[in-house]
Amino acid sequence: MNSSAEAKTPDRMEQLEREVARLSAALEASKKSFRSRWWASFIAAVFVIAGAVVAHETGSITISGLAPSVAKRLEAKEFGLYNRKDLRVLLGTLDKWGLPNLIFMDLEKQYRMGLKVWPEGGGTPGMVFYDKSGIRGNFRIEEDGSTVLNLLSQGKPGGQGGKGGIRMAVNADGDPSLEITDRDGKVVTRLPARSGAGSE
């Protein structure tokens, strides 16, 4: 009985040693596999983050929290600027010909000043000034190349201004002129751009 038990004991010890060796090998393999997967995941994450940063910098994507404080580019068919009371006081839009207008308004949403391109002459630039009656004046370049300042009296609300006013101009050749009209639209003074010419 004793000799049989003593013979089985070394066999059991050998089995335990083999099992421990197998488990140790399996554990070591698992460690190596885990390290390999960890490094692979880390490298993949680095590439993803680097790609996202490059795409953000080139403008391909926008990442919340990484967006610059000033946009590099803005495109719109119309835009408005609102004050702290949520009133739109500036409007950027296009007229029916597709030419740009920049319109400044007061707190009652009435037009006060505009920067625009007129359709006449293929598009000429200028500024327009308004009050509650409508246009009160403009400073612009006209179709013939003249630089003109028009000062107008009050007209009907929403109109083009009254008949009385002053028109100062310098034509494309550099000749100045002045025309003053009364409230009925009659010319009371005209100074032509020719030497020796008088007023009418």
Protein backbone atom coordinates (compact mmCIF):
# COMPACT_ATOMS: atom_id res chain seq x y z
CA MET A 1 0.00 0.00 0.00
CA ASN A 2 2.69 2.43 0.98
CA SER A 3 4.87 1.75 -2.04
CA SER A 4 1.93 2.34 -4.37
CA ALA A 5 1.08 5.66 -2.73
CA GLU A 6 4.73 6.73 -2.88
CA ALA A 7 4.82 5.90 -6.62
CA LYS A 8 1.74 8.01 -7.34
CA THR A 9 3.05 11.03 -5.46
CA PRO A 10 5.92 11.81 -7.93
CA ASP A 11 3.47 11.43 -10.84
CA ARG A 12 1.13 13.97 -9.29
CA MET A 13 4.00 16.32 -8.64
CA GLU A 14 5.11 16.05 -12.24
CA GLN A 15 1.55 16.74 -13.45
CA LEU A 16 1.29 19.77 -11.18
CA GLU A 17 4.63 21.05 -12.40
CA ARG A 18 3.59 20.56 -16.03
CA GLU A 19 0.28 22.34 -15.38
CA VAL A 20 2.03 25.22 -13.64
CA ALA A 21 4.46 25.51 -16.56
CA ARG A 22 1.59 25.46 -19.05
CA LEU A 23 -0.31 28.14 -17.14
CA SER A 24 2.84 30.24 -16.84
CA ALA A 25 3.42 29.99 -20.59
CA ALA A 26 -0.19 30.87 -21.29
CA LEU A 27 0.01 33.85 -18.94
CA GLU A 28 3.22 35.08 -20.58
CA ALA A 29 1.64 34.73 -24.02
CA SER A 30 -1.40 36.66 -22.81
CA LYS A 31 0.86 39.43 -21.49
CA LYS A 32 2.67 39.66 -24.82
CA SER A 33 -0.62 39.69 -26.72
CA PHE A 34 -2.03 42.39 -24.40
CA ARG A 35 1.10 44.54 -24.84
CA SER A 36 0.90 44.12 -28.62
CA ARG A 37 -2.78 45.08 -28.69
CA TRP A 38 -2.15 48.05 -26.35
CA TRP A 39 0.65 49.41 -28.53
CA ALA A 40 -1.40 48.84 -31.67
CA SER A 41 -4.35 50.71 -30.12
CA PHE A 42 -2.07 53.51 -28.92
CA ILE A 43 -0.47 53.95 -32.35
CA ALA A 44 -3.90 53.89 -34.04
CA ALA A 45 -5.19 56.53 -31.61
CA VAL A 46 -2.16 58.74 -32.31
CA PHE A 47 -2.80 58.50 -36.07
CA VAL A 48 -6.50 59.28 -35.62
CA ILE A 49 -5.79 62.33 -33.46
CA ALA A 50 -3.06 63.57 -35.79
CA GLY A 51 -5.35 63.13 -38.79
CA ALA A 52 -8.17 65.01 -37.04
CA VAL A 53 -5.84 67.89 -36.13
CA VAL A 54 -4.54 68.13 -39.72
CA ALA A 55 -8.10 68.04 -41.10
CA HIS A 56 -9.15 70.73 -38.63
CA GLU A 57 -6.22 72.98 -39.54
CA THR A 58 -6.94 72.63 -43.25
CA GLY A 59 -10.62 73.41 -42.67
CA SER A 60 -11.90 69.97 -43.74
CA ILE A 61 -13.63 69.44 -40.39
CA THR A 62 -14.45 71.56 -37.36
CA ILE A 63 -13.80 70.20 -33.88
CA SER A 64 -15.79 71.77 -31.05
CA GLY A 65 -13.46 73.38 -28.53
CA LEU A 66 -10.58 73.55 -31.00
CA ALA A 67 -12.20 76.04 -33.37
CA PRO A 68 -10.18 79.28 -33.73
CA SER A 69 -11.66 82.47 -32.27
CA VAL A 70 -11.75 84.05 -35.75
CA ALA A 71 -13.01 82.12 -38.74
CA LYS A 72 -10.60 81.93 -41.65
CA ARG A 73 -13.43 82.07 -44.17
CA LEU A 74 -17.12 82.97 -44.11
CA GLU A 75 -19.56 82.46 -46.96
CA ALA A 76 -23.25 83.37 -46.97
CA LYS A 77 -25.96 84.64 -49.29
CA GLU A 78 -27.13 87.02 -46.57
CA PHE A 79 -25.98 87.90 -43.07
CA GLY A 80 -27.13 90.11 -40.22
CA LEU A 81 -25.50 91.71 -37.21
CA TYR A 82 -27.59 91.87 -34.02
CA ASN A 83 -27.07 94.11 -31.01
CA ARG A 84 -27.34 93.08 -27.36
CA LYS A 85 -31.12 93.56 -27.46
CA ASP A 86 -31.34 91.05 -30.32
CA LEU A 87 -32.22 93.73 -32.88
CA ARG A 88 -30.71 93.46 -36.34
CA VAL A 89 -28.91 96.73 -37.03
CA LEU A 90 -26.79 95.69 -40.00
CA LEU A 91 -27.79 93.62 -43.02
CA GLY A 92 -25.58 92.29 -45.77
CA THR A 93 -27.63 91.21 -48.75
CA LEU A 94 -27.94 91.27 -52.55
CA ASP A 95 -30.25 93.36 -54.73
CA LYS A 96 -32.42 91.90 -57.49
CA TRP A 97 -29.49 92.16 -59.93
CA GLY A 98 -27.23 90.20 -57.60
CA LEU A 99 -25.14 93.20 -56.54
CA PRO A 100 -24.07 93.60 -52.88
CA ASN A 101 -25.64 95.94 -50.34
CA LEU A 102 -24.57 96.65 -46.79
CA ILE A 103 -27.42 98.34 -44.89
CA PHE A 104 -27.12 100.07 -41.50
CA MET A 105 -30.31 100.53 -39.44
CA ASP A 106 -31.31 102.37 -36.29
CA LEU A 107 -33.03 100.85 -33.26
CA GLU A 108 -36.41 101.26 -34.98
CA LYS A 109 -35.15 99.15 -37.92
CA GLN A 110 -35.20 102.15 -40.27
CA TYR A 111 -32.51 102.50 -42.92
CA ARG A 112 -29.85 105.09 -42.02
CA MET A 113 -26.91 104.36 -44.28
CA GLY A 114 -26.05 101.98 -47.07
CA LEU A 115 -22.95 100.87 -48.94
CA LYS A 116 -23.89 99.53 -52.32
CA VAL A 117 -22.99 98.87 -55.93
CA TRP A 118 -25.36 100.46 -58.45
CA PRO A 119 -26.30 98.41 -61.52
CA GLU A 120 -25.82 101.37 -63.87
CA GLY A 121 -22.63 101.31 -65.88
CA GLY A 122 -21.80 97.74 -65.01
CA GLY A 123 -21.75 98.44 -61.29
CA THR A 124 -20.56 101.67 -59.66
CA PRO A 125 -19.86 102.06 -55.93
CA GLY A 126 -21.34 104.51 -53.48
CA MET A 127 -22.86 105.40 -50.13
CA VAL A 128 -26.49 106.35 -49.47
CA PHE A 129 -27.87 108.28 -46.49
CA TYR A 130 -31.45 108.03 -45.21
CA ASP A 131 -33.79 109.64 -42.71
CA LYS A 132 -37.43 108.79 -41.99
CA SER A 133 -38.52 110.42 -45.25
CA GLY A 134 -36.22 108.30 -47.39
CA ILE A 135 -32.99 109.06 -49.23
CA ARG A 136 -31.38 112.35 -48.18
CA GLY A 137 -28.13 112.07 -50.05
CA ASN A 138 -25.56 109.89 -51.73
CA PHE A 139 -21.90 109.91 -52.60
CA ARG A 140 -21.08 107.75 -55.58
CA ILE A 141 -19.45 107.21 -58.94
CA GLU A 142 -21.86 107.44 -61.86
CA GLU A 143 -21.97 105.57 -65.15
CA ASP A 144 -19.99 108.25 -67.02
CA GLY A 145 -17.16 108.05 -64.47
CA SER A 146 -18.12 111.23 -62.59
CA THR A 147 -17.69 111.37 -58.83
CA VAL A 148 -20.88 112.90 -57.42
CA LEU A 149 -22.18 114.18 -54.07
CA ASN A 150 -25.96 114.69 -53.98
CA LEU A 151 -27.60 116.45 -51.03
CA LEU A 152 -31.40 116.21 -51.09
CA SER A 153 -34.23 117.78 -49.12
CA GLN A 154 -36.85 115.66 -47.41
CA GLY A 155 -39.30 113.98 -49.73
CA LYS A 156 -42.23 111.67 -49.30
CA PRO A 157 -41.61 108.76 -46.89
CA GLY A 158 -39.79 105.99 -48.69
CA GLY A 159 -39.06 108.25 -51.64
CA GLN A 160 -35.94 109.53 -53.34
CA GLY A 161 -35.76 112.87 -51.53
CA GLY A 162 -37.27 116.27 -52.33
CA LYS A 163 -36.64 118.46 -55.37
CA GLY A 164 -34.44 120.98 -53.61
CA GLY A 165 -30.80 120.11 -53.22
CA ILE A 166 -27.16 120.43 -54.19
CA ARG A 167 -25.25 118.37 -56.70
CA MET A 168 -21.46 118.56 -56.75
CA ALA A 169 -19.56 116.56 -59.30
CA VAL A 170 -16.16 116.01 -60.87
CA ASN A 171 -16.26 114.33 -64.26
CA ALA A 172 -13.84 111.70 -65.50
CA ASP A 173 -11.65 114.40 -67.10
CA GLY A 174 -11.35 116.32 -63.81
CA ASP A 175 -13.78 119.17 -64.55
CA PRO A 176 -15.86 120.15 -61.48
CA SER A 177 -19.45 121.37 -61.51
CA LEU A 178 -22.05 122.60 -59.03
CA GLU A 179 -25.82 122.72 -59.37
CA ILE A 180 -28.26 124.07 -56.78
CA THR A 181 -32.05 123.66 -57.08
CA ASP A 182 -34.86 125.13 -55.01
CA ARG A 183 -37.80 123.31 -53.42
CA ASP A 184 -39.65 123.33 -56.75
CA GLY A 185 -36.75 121.71 -58.56
CA LYS A 186 -35.77 124.92 -60.40
CA VAL A 187 -32.03 125.45 -60.93
CA VAL A 188 -31.01 128.62 -59.09
CA THR A 189 -27.24 128.27 -59.48
CA ARG A 190 -25.11 126.31 -61.92
CA LEU A 191 -21.37 126.56 -62.11
CA PRO A 192 -20.09 124.79 -65.24
CA ALA A 193 -16.59 123.42 -65.39
CA ARG A 194 -15.45 125.95 -68.01
CA SER A 195 -13.38 129.06 -67.40
CA GLY A 196 -15.30 132.31 -67.77
CA ALA A 197 -18.71 130.69 -67.30
CA GLY A 198 -21.05 132.37 -64.87
CA SER A 199 -23.98 131.24 -62.80
CA GLU A 200 -27.56 130.96 -63.93
